[in-house]
N, C-alpha and C. Protein backbone atom coordinates (compact mmCIF):
# COMPACT_ATOMS: atom_id res chain seq x y z
N MET A 1 -18.66 9.62 10.75
CA MET A 1 -17.02 9.27 10.81
C MET A 1 -17.03 7.61 9.60
N LYS A 2 -16.45 7.59 8.14
CA LYS A 2 -16.04 6.72 7.75
C LYS A 2 -15.20 5.80 8.39
N THR A 3 -15.34 4.45 8.04
CA THR A 3 -14.10 3.88 8.06
C THR A 3 -13.47 3.34 7.10
N LEU A 4 -12.20 3.24 7.04
CA LEU A 4 -10.96 2.73 6.16
C LEU A 4 -9.94 1.56 6.66
N TYR A 5 -10.08 0.78 5.45
CA TYR A 5 -9.33 -0.53 6.08
C TYR A 5 -7.88 -0.35 5.17
N PHE A 6 -6.38 -0.82 4.98
CA PHE A 6 -5.35 -0.96 4.14
C PHE A 6 -4.44 -2.12 4.59
N THR A 7 -4.27 -2.28 3.53
CA THR A 7 -3.90 -3.65 3.74
C THR A 7 -2.32 -3.81 2.28
N ARG A 8 -0.87 -3.84 2.99
CA ARG A 8 -0.31 -3.97 1.73
C ARG A 8 -0.17 -5.53 1.09
N HIS A 9 0.19 -5.94 -0.09
CA HIS A 9 0.16 -6.69 -0.60
C HIS A 9 0.49 -7.95 -0.07
N GLY A 10 1.11 -9.02 -0.35
CA GLY A 10 1.28 -10.21 -0.35
C GLY A 10 2.84 -10.58 -0.35
N GLU A 11 3.91 -11.01 -0.24
CA GLU A 11 5.11 -11.21 0.13
C GLU A 11 5.68 -11.96 -1.48
N THR A 12 6.90 -10.90 -2.34
CA THR A 12 6.99 -10.91 -3.33
C THR A 12 8.46 -11.48 -2.73
N ILE A 13 9.08 -12.16 -3.90
CA ILE A 13 10.85 -12.14 -3.78
C ILE A 13 11.40 -11.24 -3.52
N TRP A 14 11.14 -10.32 -4.02
CA TRP A 14 11.99 -9.14 -3.98
C TRP A 14 11.92 -8.35 -2.30
N ASN A 15 10.53 -8.73 -1.87
CA ASN A 15 10.64 -8.74 -0.09
C ASN A 15 11.54 -9.48 0.24
N VAL A 16 11.33 -10.53 0.04
CA VAL A 16 12.46 -11.82 0.81
C VAL A 16 13.93 -11.54 1.01
N GLU A 17 14.28 -11.12 -0.73
CA GLU A 17 15.66 -10.76 -0.81
C GLU A 17 15.94 -9.21 -0.42
N ASN A 18 15.31 -8.66 0.26
CA ASN A 18 15.21 -7.37 0.78
C ASN A 18 15.62 -6.13 -0.49
N LYS A 19 15.25 -6.48 -1.35
CA LYS A 19 15.27 -5.13 -2.23
C LYS A 19 14.01 -4.71 -2.82
N ILE A 20 13.94 -3.13 -2.82
CA ILE A 20 13.01 -2.35 -3.14
C ILE A 20 12.33 -2.73 -4.89
N CYS A 21 11.03 -3.14 -4.17
CA CYS A 21 10.21 -2.71 -5.29
C CYS A 21 9.70 -1.78 -6.01
N GLY A 22 9.71 -1.02 -5.54
CA GLY A 22 8.98 0.24 -6.07
C GLY A 22 7.53 0.37 -7.37
N ALA A 23 7.58 1.08 -8.47
CA ALA A 23 6.79 0.75 -9.18
C ALA A 23 7.13 -0.68 -10.17
N THR A 24 8.32 -1.30 -10.15
CA THR A 24 8.49 -2.73 -10.79
C THR A 24 7.42 -3.67 -10.59
N ASP A 25 7.34 -4.14 -11.54
CA ASP A 25 5.47 -4.86 -11.28
C ASP A 25 6.12 -6.35 -10.89
N ILE A 26 6.44 -6.77 -9.93
CA ILE A 26 6.79 -8.07 -9.19
C ILE A 26 5.69 -9.09 -8.67
N ALA A 27 5.66 -10.16 -8.84
CA ALA A 27 4.55 -11.18 -8.58
C ALA A 27 5.03 -11.61 -7.23
N LEU A 28 3.49 -11.72 -6.82
CA LEU A 28 3.74 -12.67 -5.31
C LEU A 28 4.32 -14.03 -5.27
N THR A 29 5.18 -14.33 -4.19
CA THR A 29 5.62 -15.92 -4.17
C THR A 29 4.03 -16.51 -3.42
N GLU A 30 4.54 -17.81 -3.54
CA GLU A 30 3.63 -18.65 -3.25
C GLU A 30 3.00 -18.67 -1.95
N HIS A 31 4.10 -18.10 -0.63
CA HIS A 31 3.81 -17.34 0.48
C HIS A 31 2.64 -16.47 0.45
N GLY A 32 3.24 -15.47 -0.61
CA GLY A 32 2.23 -13.99 -0.71
C GLY A 32 1.43 -14.83 -1.04
N HIS A 33 0.71 -15.37 -1.80
CA HIS A 33 -0.69 -15.71 -2.34
C HIS A 33 -1.60 -16.17 -1.11
N LYS A 34 -0.52 -17.23 -0.44
CA LYS A 34 -1.23 -17.75 0.79
C LYS A 34 -1.62 -16.92 1.93
N GLN A 35 -0.87 -15.78 1.87
CA GLN A 35 -1.06 -15.15 3.12
C GLN A 35 -2.51 -14.39 2.67
N ALA A 36 -2.22 -13.39 1.38
CA ALA A 36 -3.45 -12.79 1.17
C ALA A 36 -5.04 -14.05 1.10
N ILE A 37 -4.61 -15.25 0.75
CA ILE A 37 -5.99 -15.91 0.86
C ILE A 37 -6.54 -15.90 2.40
N GLU A 38 -5.14 -16.45 3.35
CA GLU A 38 -5.39 -15.89 4.42
C GLU A 38 -6.48 -14.66 5.18
N LEU A 39 -5.63 -13.47 4.67
CA LEU A 39 -6.63 -12.33 5.03
C LEU A 39 -8.03 -12.31 4.37
N GLY A 40 -7.87 -13.39 3.68
CA GLY A 40 -9.85 -12.67 2.74
C GLY A 40 -10.42 -13.70 3.64
N LYS A 41 -9.88 -14.65 4.36
CA LYS A 41 -10.84 -15.80 5.05
C LYS A 41 -10.82 -15.19 6.81
N ARG A 42 -9.50 -14.19 7.37
CA ARG A 42 -10.00 -13.58 8.26
C ARG A 42 -10.76 -12.42 7.90
N ILE A 43 -11.03 -11.74 7.07
CA ILE A 43 -11.91 -10.43 7.28
C ILE A 43 -13.40 -11.40 7.09
N LYS A 44 -13.45 -12.33 6.45
CA LYS A 44 -14.74 -13.15 6.27
C LYS A 44 -15.29 -13.96 7.65
N GLU A 45 -14.34 -14.35 8.75
CA GLU A 45 -14.56 -15.16 9.60
C GLU A 45 -14.79 -13.68 10.56
N GLU A 46 -13.82 -12.53 10.57
CA GLU A 46 -14.05 -11.72 11.54
C GLU A 46 -15.60 -10.88 11.28
N GLY A 47 -16.67 -11.00 10.42
CA GLY A 47 -17.22 -10.55 9.96
C GLY A 47 -16.73 -8.89 9.63
N ILE A 48 -16.05 -8.38 9.04
CA ILE A 48 -15.13 -6.92 8.78
C ILE A 48 -16.40 -6.55 8.09
N HIS A 49 -17.09 -5.66 8.05
CA HIS A 49 -17.46 -5.12 6.96
C HIS A 49 -17.01 -3.88 6.19
N ILE A 50 -17.08 -4.37 4.52
CA ILE A 50 -15.72 -3.89 3.83
C ILE A 50 -16.67 -3.80 2.81
N ASP A 51 -17.38 -2.21 1.94
CA ASP A 51 -18.49 -2.98 0.65
C ASP A 51 -17.25 -2.64 -0.40
N GLU A 52 -15.67 -2.16 -0.81
CA GLU A 52 -15.19 -2.94 -2.18
C GLU A 52 -13.87 -2.31 -1.85
N ILE A 53 -13.39 -2.89 -3.01
CA ILE A 53 -11.63 -3.45 -2.67
C ILE A 53 -11.10 -2.14 -3.61
N LEU A 54 -10.37 -1.45 -3.33
CA LEU A 54 -9.36 -0.37 -4.53
C LEU A 54 -8.26 -1.09 -4.62
N TYR A 55 -7.60 -1.32 -5.41
CA TYR A 55 -6.44 -1.86 -5.39
C TYR A 55 -5.39 -1.20 -6.25
N SER A 56 -3.78 -1.38 -5.95
CA SER A 56 -3.32 -0.72 -6.84
C SER A 56 -2.91 -1.58 -8.28
N PRO A 57 -2.49 -1.04 -9.46
CA PRO A 57 -2.64 -1.62 -10.64
C PRO A 57 -1.67 -2.96 -10.99
N LEU A 58 -0.42 -2.59 -9.99
CA LEU A 58 0.63 -3.57 -9.60
C LEU A 58 -0.10 -5.00 -9.41
N MET A 59 0.64 -5.86 -10.09
CA MET A 59 0.00 -6.98 -9.86
C MET A 59 0.14 -8.21 -8.47
N ARG A 60 1.42 -7.08 -7.85
CA ARG A 60 1.56 -7.90 -6.92
C ARG A 60 -0.19 -7.81 -5.79
N ALA A 61 -0.42 -6.06 -5.79
CA ALA A 61 -1.50 -5.67 -4.95
C ALA A 61 -2.96 -6.42 -5.50
N LYS A 62 -2.72 -6.53 -6.86
CA LYS A 62 -4.14 -6.62 -8.09
C LYS A 62 -3.96 -8.43 -7.34
N ASP A 63 -3.74 -9.16 -7.54
CA ASP A 63 -3.73 -10.70 -7.32
C ASP A 63 -3.55 -10.70 -5.33
N THR A 64 -3.53 -10.30 -4.78
CA THR A 64 -3.92 -10.02 -3.34
C THR A 64 -5.26 -9.28 -3.40
N ALA A 65 -5.43 -8.59 -3.96
CA ALA A 65 -7.25 -8.26 -3.85
C ALA A 65 -8.09 -9.33 -4.27
N ALA A 66 -7.14 -10.15 -5.48
CA ALA A 66 -8.30 -10.83 -5.91
C ALA A 66 -8.73 -11.79 -4.81
N HIS A 67 -7.60 -12.81 -4.41
CA HIS A 67 -7.84 -13.37 -3.30
C HIS A 67 -8.65 -13.40 -2.24
N ILE A 68 -9.05 -11.81 -1.91
CA ILE A 68 -9.11 -11.17 -0.57
C ILE A 68 -10.95 -11.58 -1.16
N SER A 69 -11.01 -11.20 -2.75
CA SER A 69 -12.12 -10.78 -3.04
C SER A 69 -13.06 -12.15 -3.30
N GLU A 70 -12.23 -12.92 -4.02
CA GLU A 70 -12.39 -14.57 -4.14
C GLU A 70 -13.05 -14.98 -3.11
N GLU A 71 -12.85 -14.78 -1.55
CA GLU A 71 -12.84 -15.83 -0.30
C GLU A 71 -13.89 -14.60 0.51
N THR A 72 -14.09 -13.17 0.01
CA THR A 72 -15.05 -12.46 0.92
C THR A 72 -16.27 -12.03 0.01
N GLY A 73 -16.18 -12.43 -1.27
CA GLY A 73 -17.14 -11.88 -2.00
C GLY A 73 -17.53 -10.02 -2.31
N ILE A 74 -16.09 -9.60 -1.74
CA ILE A 74 -16.38 -8.34 -2.03
C ILE A 74 -15.64 -8.11 -3.40
N PRO A 75 -16.95 -6.82 -3.96
CA PRO A 75 -16.10 -6.38 -5.52
C PRO A 75 -15.08 -5.46 -5.14
N MET A 76 -14.34 -5.84 -6.42
CA MET A 76 -12.44 -4.89 -6.57
C MET A 76 -13.01 -3.98 -7.71
N ARG A 77 -11.76 -3.14 -7.41
CA ARG A 77 -11.80 -2.07 -8.46
C ARG A 77 -9.98 -1.73 -8.23
N GLU A 78 -9.87 -1.18 -9.92
CA GLU A 78 -8.31 -1.05 -9.82
C GLU A 78 -8.49 0.91 -9.47
N GLU A 79 -7.43 1.02 -8.72
CA GLU A 79 -7.71 2.71 -8.64
C GLU A 79 -6.16 2.83 -8.89
N LEU A 80 -5.59 3.61 -9.90
CA LEU A 80 -4.20 3.98 -10.44
C LEU A 80 -3.30 4.69 -9.08
N ARG A 81 -4.61 5.47 -8.55
CA ARG A 81 -3.34 6.03 -7.64
C ARG A 81 -3.25 5.32 -6.43
N LEU A 82 -3.20 4.05 -6.21
CA LEU A 82 -2.68 3.49 -5.45
C LEU A 82 -1.01 2.83 -5.67
N LYS A 83 -0.90 3.08 -7.10
CA LYS A 83 0.68 2.74 -7.62
C LYS A 83 1.58 2.48 -6.48
N GLU A 84 2.28 2.08 -6.34
CA GLU A 84 3.95 2.23 -5.44
C GLU A 84 4.86 3.08 -6.01
N GLN A 85 5.41 4.06 -5.24
CA GLN A 85 6.11 5.15 -5.88
C GLN A 85 7.45 4.84 -6.47
N ASN A 86 7.17 5.54 -7.21
CA ASN A 86 8.57 5.37 -7.90
C ASN A 86 9.88 5.63 -7.46
N PHE A 87 10.56 4.56 -7.53
CA PHE A 87 11.93 4.49 -6.51
C PHE A 87 13.21 5.30 -7.57
N GLY A 88 13.00 5.89 -8.53
CA GLY A 88 14.05 5.34 -9.78
C GLY A 88 15.37 4.78 -10.11
N ARG A 89 16.25 5.26 -9.15
CA ARG A 89 17.42 4.45 -9.93
C ARG A 89 17.80 3.95 -8.33
N PHE A 90 16.62 3.51 -7.48
CA PHE A 90 16.96 2.68 -6.68
C PHE A 90 16.35 1.36 -6.32
N GLU A 91 15.01 1.08 -7.67
CA GLU A 91 14.31 0.00 -7.32
C GLU A 91 15.49 -1.36 -8.02
N SER A 92 15.05 -2.44 -7.01
CA SER A 92 16.08 -3.57 -7.28
C SER A 92 17.20 -3.44 -6.47
N THR A 93 17.47 -2.19 -5.69
CA THR A 93 18.52 -2.25 -5.10
C THR A 93 18.20 -2.66 -3.30
N PRO A 94 19.25 -2.58 -2.56
CA PRO A 94 18.29 -3.44 -0.70
C PRO A 94 17.72 -2.15 0.00
N ARG A 95 16.83 -2.64 0.38
CA ARG A 95 15.69 -1.70 0.96
C ARG A 95 16.84 -0.62 1.95
N ASN A 96 17.91 -1.58 2.77
CA ASN A 96 18.31 -0.72 3.49
C ASN A 96 19.89 -0.15 3.12
N GLY A 97 20.10 -0.16 2.12
CA GLY A 97 21.15 0.67 1.05
C GLY A 97 21.33 2.26 1.73
N GLU A 98 22.73 2.35 2.70
CA GLU A 98 22.86 3.71 3.26
C GLU A 98 22.52 4.47 2.44
N GLU A 99 22.57 4.82 1.38
CA GLU A 99 22.67 5.96 0.23
C GLU A 99 20.54 6.82 0.06
N PHE A 100 20.37 5.00 -0.27
CA PHE A 100 18.97 5.14 -0.42
C PHE A 100 18.18 5.54 1.29
N LEU A 101 18.79 5.17 2.06
CA LEU A 101 18.14 5.44 3.37
C LEU A 101 18.01 7.22 3.37
N VAL A 102 19.12 7.73 3.19
CA VAL A 102 19.61 9.33 3.67
C VAL A 102 18.43 9.88 2.23
N SER A 103 18.34 9.55 1.17
CA SER A 103 17.82 10.14 0.17
C SER A 103 15.92 10.13 0.33
N LYS A 104 15.79 9.45 1.12
CA LYS A 104 14.14 8.66 1.32
C LYS A 104 14.06 9.56 2.30
N ARG A 105 14.73 10.73 3.05
CA ARG A 105 14.52 11.46 4.00
C ARG A 105 14.22 13.01 3.72
N ASN A 106 14.43 13.02 2.24
CA ASN A 106 14.54 14.04 1.28
C ASN A 106 13.20 14.70 0.27
N PHE A 107 12.23 15.11 1.19
CA PHE A 107 10.42 14.59 0.21
C PHE A 107 10.81 15.20 -1.39
N VAL A 108 11.01 15.86 -1.06
CA VAL A 108 11.18 16.29 -2.85
C VAL A 108 12.50 15.66 -3.63
N ASP A 109 13.08 14.64 -3.53
CA ASP A 109 14.38 13.71 -4.57
C ASP A 109 13.06 13.58 -5.43
N SER A 110 13.38 13.02 -6.27
CA SER A 110 12.84 11.77 -7.51
C SER A 110 13.74 10.67 -7.84
N TYR A 111 14.58 10.46 -6.78
CA TYR A 111 15.77 9.53 -6.89
C TYR A 111 16.18 9.25 -8.78
N GLU A 112 16.34 10.48 -9.44
CA GLU A 112 16.60 10.39 -10.79
C GLU A 112 15.99 9.58 -11.89
N GLY A 113 14.62 10.12 -11.71
CA GLY A 113 13.85 9.24 -12.54
C GLY A 113 12.76 8.91 -11.59
N GLY A 114 12.75 8.57 -10.86
CA GLY A 114 11.32 8.16 -10.15
C GLY A 114 10.15 9.39 -9.42
N GLU A 115 9.51 9.22 -8.31
CA GLU A 115 8.80 10.02 -7.68
C GLU A 115 9.31 10.44 -6.77
N SER A 116 8.81 12.05 -6.25
CA SER A 116 9.45 12.36 -5.03
C SER A 116 8.21 11.97 -3.96
N MET A 117 8.52 12.16 -2.59
CA MET A 117 7.43 12.23 -1.27
C MET A 117 6.42 13.03 -1.70
N LEU A 118 6.75 14.26 -2.08
CA LEU A 118 5.58 15.14 -2.11
C LEU A 118 4.97 14.96 -3.03
N ARG A 119 5.33 14.54 -4.40
CA ARG A 119 4.24 13.94 -5.73
C ARG A 119 3.36 12.74 -5.05
N LEU A 120 4.05 11.39 -4.22
CA LEU A 120 3.30 10.75 -3.76
C LEU A 120 2.21 10.87 -2.88
N ALA A 121 2.61 12.56 -1.89
CA ALA A 121 1.94 12.63 -0.94
C ALA A 121 0.68 13.28 -1.66
N GLN A 122 0.75 14.26 -2.62
CA GLN A 122 -0.15 14.54 -3.22
C GLN A 122 -1.33 13.43 -3.94
N ARG A 123 -1.09 12.85 -4.73
CA ARG A 123 -2.03 12.01 -5.03
C ARG A 123 -2.61 10.68 -3.93
N ILE A 124 -2.39 10.71 -2.96
CA ILE A 124 -2.67 9.98 -1.58
C ILE A 124 -3.41 10.29 -0.79
N TYR A 125 -2.88 11.79 -0.54
CA TYR A 125 -3.74 12.75 -0.02
C TYR A 125 -5.09 12.81 -0.63
N ASN A 126 -4.88 13.09 -2.50
CA ASN A 126 -5.92 13.14 -2.64
C ASN A 126 -7.15 12.33 -2.67
N LEU A 127 -6.65 11.31 -3.03
CA LEU A 127 -7.64 9.89 -3.08
C LEU A 127 -8.03 9.99 -1.59
N LEU A 128 -7.38 10.28 -0.61
CA LEU A 128 -8.00 9.97 0.70
C LEU A 128 -9.39 10.96 0.65
N ASP A 129 -8.73 12.00 0.33
CA ASP A 129 -9.77 12.89 0.79
C ASP A 129 -11.01 12.83 0.19
N ASP A 130 -10.48 12.39 -1.58
CA ASP A 130 -12.25 11.80 -2.06
C ASP A 130 -13.00 11.01 -1.26
N ILE A 131 -12.47 9.73 -1.13
CA ILE A 131 -13.02 9.00 0.19
C ILE A 131 -13.78 9.73 1.24
N ARG A 132 -12.88 10.35 1.62
CA ARG A 132 -13.52 11.72 2.81
C ARG A 132 -14.73 12.17 2.50
N ASP A 133 -14.17 12.19 1.18
CA ASP A 133 -15.60 13.37 1.00
C ASP A 133 -16.93 13.00 0.25
N GLU A 134 -16.68 11.59 -0.51
CA GLU A 134 -17.96 11.08 -0.45
C GLU A 134 -19.11 10.83 0.27
N GLU A 135 -20.33 10.93 -0.69
CA GLU A 135 -21.71 11.09 0.06
C GLU A 135 -21.78 9.07 0.76
N GLY A 136 -22.31 9.21 1.42
CA GLY A 136 -22.44 7.59 2.19
C GLY A 136 -21.37 7.64 3.35
N ASP A 137 -21.53 6.45 3.77
CA ASP A 137 -20.61 5.72 4.51
C ASP A 137 -20.03 4.13 4.43
N LYS A 138 -19.40 4.80 2.54
CA LYS A 138 -18.96 3.61 1.75
C LYS A 138 -17.31 2.51 2.88
N VAL A 139 -17.53 1.67 3.08
CA VAL A 139 -16.15 1.00 3.79
C VAL A 139 -15.48 0.93 3.00
N TYR A 140 -14.13 0.59 2.37
CA TYR A 140 -13.10 0.46 1.53
C TYR A 140 -11.98 -0.07 2.26
N LEU A 141 -11.26 -1.12 1.61
CA LEU A 141 -9.97 -2.19 1.68
C LEU A 141 -9.21 -0.91 0.48
N LEU A 142 -8.40 -0.23 1.08
CA LEU A 142 -7.32 -0.41 -0.08
C LEU A 142 -6.23 -1.40 0.23
N VAL A 143 -5.85 -2.00 -1.26
CA VAL A 143 -4.80 -2.63 -1.40
C VAL A 143 -3.95 -2.33 -2.00
N ALA A 144 -2.38 -1.98 -1.18
CA ALA A 144 -1.07 -1.37 -2.05
C ALA A 144 0.19 -2.22 -1.29
N HIS A 145 0.78 -1.27 -1.65
CA HIS A 145 2.08 -1.07 -0.83
C HIS A 145 2.50 -0.61 0.04
N ASN A 146 4.01 -0.85 0.82
CA ASN A 146 4.69 -0.19 1.97
C ASN A 146 4.74 0.92 1.86
N GLY A 147 4.98 1.78 0.61
CA GLY A 147 5.21 2.94 0.72
C GLY A 147 4.17 3.67 0.89
N ILE A 148 2.91 3.31 0.08
CA ILE A 148 2.06 3.64 0.19
C ILE A 148 1.49 3.64 1.26
N ALA A 149 1.33 2.82 2.38
CA ALA A 149 1.11 2.44 3.67
C ALA A 149 1.75 3.43 4.48
N ARG A 150 3.18 3.87 4.21
CA ARG A 150 3.50 5.27 5.05
C ARG A 150 2.59 6.29 5.18
N MET A 151 2.49 6.78 3.55
CA MET A 151 1.72 7.88 3.12
C MET A 151 0.93 8.27 3.56
N VAL A 152 -0.22 6.76 3.77
CA VAL A 152 -1.83 6.92 4.42
C VAL A 152 -1.67 7.22 5.97
N GLU A 153 -0.44 6.60 6.61
CA GLU A 153 -0.36 6.77 8.06
C GLU A 153 0.10 8.01 8.44
N SER A 154 0.72 8.67 7.49
CA SER A 154 1.06 10.12 7.94
C SER A 154 -0.09 11.06 7.36
N TYR A 155 -1.34 10.69 6.55
CA TYR A 155 -2.36 11.47 6.17
C TYR A 155 -3.14 11.80 7.61
N PHE A 156 -2.88 10.52 8.29
CA PHE A 156 -4.39 10.27 9.89
C PHE A 156 -3.20 10.95 11.22
N HIS A 157 -1.57 10.62 11.15
CA HIS A 157 -0.77 10.90 12.48
C HIS A 157 0.77 11.65 11.84
N ASP A 158 0.43 12.89 12.77
CA ASP A 158 1.86 13.89 12.41
C ASP A 158 2.80 13.21 12.52
N MET A 159 4.35 13.34 11.95
CA MET A 159 5.34 12.22 12.36
C MET A 159 6.33 13.05 11.57
N THR A 160 7.75 12.92 11.99
CA THR A 160 8.87 13.50 11.63
C THR A 160 9.14 12.38 10.21
N ASN A 161 10.28 13.28 9.52
CA ASN A 161 10.48 13.14 8.41
C ASN A 161 11.18 11.17 8.62
N GLU A 162 12.31 11.51 9.71
CA GLU A 162 12.42 9.94 10.15
C GLU A 162 11.61 9.14 10.49
N GLU A 163 10.56 9.54 11.66
CA GLU A 163 9.55 8.10 11.77
C GLU A 163 8.84 7.85 10.65
N TYR A 164 8.64 8.98 9.50
CA TYR A 164 7.53 8.65 7.80
C TYR A 164 9.27 7.83 7.49
N ALA A 165 10.51 7.71 7.20
CA ALA A 165 11.19 7.20 6.54
C ALA A 165 11.34 5.63 7.02
N SER A 166 11.03 5.23 8.17
CA SER A 166 11.36 3.94 9.02
C SER A 166 9.73 3.57 9.01
N ASN A 167 8.57 4.18 9.27
CA ASN A 167 7.57 3.45 8.88
C ASN A 167 7.14 2.50 7.65
N GLY A 168 6.15 1.30 8.32
CA GLY A 168 5.76 0.37 7.09
C GLY A 168 5.28 -0.77 8.33
N ILE A 169 4.51 -1.57 7.08
CA ILE A 169 3.94 -2.37 7.61
C ILE A 169 3.97 -3.76 7.36
N LYS A 170 3.86 -4.97 7.74
CA LYS A 170 3.84 -6.09 7.65
C LYS A 170 3.12 -6.76 5.63
N ASN A 171 3.61 -7.60 5.11
CA ASN A 171 2.50 -8.06 4.34
C ASN A 171 0.84 -8.96 4.59
N CYS A 172 0.34 -8.36 3.80
CA CYS A 172 -1.26 -8.47 4.72
C CYS A 172 -1.70 -8.21 5.96
N GLN A 173 -0.66 -7.46 6.17
CA GLN A 173 -0.99 -6.69 7.48
C GLN A 173 -2.22 -6.00 7.31
N LEU A 174 -3.23 -6.08 8.63
CA LEU A 174 -4.52 -4.90 7.98
C LEU A 174 -4.75 -3.87 8.84
N MET A 175 -4.85 -2.66 8.69
CA MET A 175 -4.71 -1.20 8.97
C MET A 175 -6.40 -1.01 8.87
N GLN A 176 -6.84 -0.35 10.37
CA GLN A 176 -8.01 0.52 10.39
C GLN A 176 -8.15 1.88 10.62
N TYR A 177 -8.42 2.56 9.97
CA TYR A 177 -8.42 4.10 10.14
C TYR A 177 -9.78 4.46 10.38
N ASN A 178 -10.00 5.62 11.16
CA ASN A 178 -11.42 6.66 10.65
C ASN A 178 -10.98 7.94 10.01
N ILE A 179 -11.84 7.91 8.87
CA ILE A 179 -11.48 9.31 7.80
C ILE A 179 -12.83 9.99 8.22
C-alpha cells in the first residue's frame, strides 16, 4: 500500500474575503506564503518522506509547492488534472451564497460555463487511479485546492452529497491517505 499526501494552497485574498476562487488564478497573500514555508519546514523537521510534489497549474498552488520544495528539496512537477474546479458564474461570488450552496449539491450542474462535479470526479479519480496503479511505492504530495480536497476525500471515503458539499480543509493543512 502506498502513502499519498494532500495539501491545499496557502491563503489568498479571496479566501480572506470569503469569495470562490475556482479556476480564477489568484495569488497568495503574504500570510499564504508564510503558511507554505511553514508547511515545508514541518515536513522536513518531522521527516515526512515524500518523493515528488505534484501541483495544480494555478499560481496559488504552484507558489505553495515551490515554497515546500525549497524548504525540503523535494522535486516538483505540474499536474494539470489538479487544477481547481471551474465554478462558472459563481467565480468571485461569496462562498456561502445561498444559490451557490444549492447548486453545489447538483453534481451535473456546470454552473453556466464551469465544470460539473461529475467531470471533476472523472479527472481526479483518474489521477488517483494512475498513482495507485504505478509500479513501486513512490510517495506524492498533491498541492491543489479545496474543491480538489473534497474530491480526493470522496475517493477514499463514502459521503452524502450534503457531506461532500460541506467538506473541506484549511490552507496548508496536510492530509495523509493510504492508496
